């Protein structure tokens, strides 16, 4: 069974949102937002939901 790409993205984003603010991009002094790539590695096991 092929993993659902939307479920994987949701898992990665949920994990990112649980990180403390010091681990996330910061707004710059002029109000602009810092941009950084977001990547995630997800290990899936048959029958186990993504968290």
C-alpha atoms as a PDB file:
ATOM      1  CA  UNK A   1       0.000   0.000   0.000  1.00  0.00           C
ATOM      2  CA  UNK A   2       1.389   3.393  -1.011  1.00  0.00           C
ATOM      3  CA  UNK A   3       1.473   5.992   1.782  1.00  0.00           C
ATOM      4  CA  UNK A   4      -0.847   8.975   1.326  1.00  0.00           C
ATOM      5  CA  UNK A   5       1.268  12.057   0.461  1.00  0.00           C
ATOM      6  CA  UNK A   6      -1.188  14.390   2.218  1.00  0.00           C
ATOM      7  CA  UNK A   7      -0.956  12.339   5.423  1.00  0.00           C
ATOM      8  CA  UNK A   8       2.844  12.477   5.270  1.00  0.00           C
ATOM      9  CA  UNK A   9       2.816  16.263   4.737  1.00  0.00           C
ATOM     10  CA  UNK A  10       0.364  16.658   7.618  1.00  0.00           C
ATOM     11  CA  UNK A  11       2.649  14.579   9.852  1.00  0.00           C
ATOM     12  CA  UNK A  12       5.710  16.691   8.997  1.00  0.00           C
ATOM     13  CA  UNK A  13       3.851  19.983   9.474  1.00  0.00           C
ATOM     14  CA  UNK A  14       2.317  18.857  12.781  1.00  0.00           C
ATOM     15  CA  UNK A  15       5.775  17.953  14.062  1.00  0.00           C
ATOM     16  CA  UNK A  16       7.113  21.342  12.915  1.00  0.00           C
ATOM     17  CA  UNK A  17       4.303  23.206  14.710  1.00  0.00           C
ATOM     18  CA  UNK A  18       5.177  21.400  17.962  1.00  0.00           C
ATOM     19  CA  UNK A  19       8.787  22.624  17.859  1.00  0.00           C
ATOM     20  CA  UNK A  20       9.721  25.476  20.215  1.00  0.00           C
ATOM     21  CA  UNK A  21       9.875  28.956  18.645  1.00  0.00           C
ATOM     22  CA  UNK A  22      13.664  29.046  18.931  1.00  0.00           C
ATOM     23  CA  UNK A  23      13.774  26.219  16.339  1.00  0.00           C
ATOM     24  CA  UNK A  24      11.671  28.109  13.772  1.00  0.00           C
ATOM     25  CA  UNK A  25      12.470  30.948  11.352  1.00  0.00           C
ATOM     26  CA  UNK A  26      12.363  34.384  13.002  1.00  0.00           C
ATOM     27  CA  UNK A  27      10.912  37.616  11.689  1.00  0.00           C
ATOM     28  CA  UNK A  28      13.622  40.096  10.739  1.00  0.00           C
ATOM     29  CA  UNK A  29      13.846  43.597  12.227  1.00  0.00           C
ATOM     30  CA  UNK A  30      12.099  45.124   9.182  1.00  0.00           C
ATOM     31  CA  UNK A  31       9.143  42.730   9.577  1.00  0.00           C
ATOM     32  CA  UNK A  32      10.164  40.452   6.705  1.00  0.00           C
ATOM     33  CA  UNK A  33      10.028  36.731   7.352  1.00  0.00           C
ATOM     34  CA  UNK A  34      13.047  34.472   7.157  1.00  0.00           C
ATOM     35  CA  UNK A  35      12.652  31.659   4.620  1.00  0.00           C
ATOM     36  CA  UNK A  36      14.172  28.226   5.181  1.00  0.00           C
ATOM     37  CA  UNK A  37      13.553  24.862   3.504  1.00  0.00           C
ATOM     38  CA  UNK A  38      11.398  22.382   5.405  1.00  0.00           C
ATOM     39  CA  UNK A  39      12.127  18.697   4.919  1.00  0.00           C
ATOM     40  CA  UNK A  40      10.956  15.675   6.832  1.00  0.00           C
ATOM     41  CA  UNK A  41      11.738  11.986   6.962  1.00  0.00           C
ATOM     42  CA  UNK A  42       8.804   9.774   7.903  1.00  0.00           C
ATOM     43  CA  UNK A  43       9.106   6.106   8.784  1.00  0.00           C
ATOM     44  CA  UNK A  44       5.871   4.284   8.008  1.00  0.00           C
ATOM     45  CA  UNK A  45       4.911   0.843   9.220  1.00  0.00           C
ATOM     46  CA  UNK A  46       1.963  -1.125   7.852  1.00  0.00           C
ATOM     47  CA  UNK A  47      -1.200  -0.337   9.787  1.00  0.00           C
ATOM     48  CA  UNK A  48       0.390   2.394  11.880  1.00  0.00           C
ATOM     49  CA  UNK A  49      -1.081   5.900  11.544  1.00  0.00           C
ATOM     50  CA  UNK A  50       1.225   8.870  10.980  1.00  0.00           C
ATOM     51  CA  UNK A  51       1.840  11.115  13.983  1.00  0.00           C
END
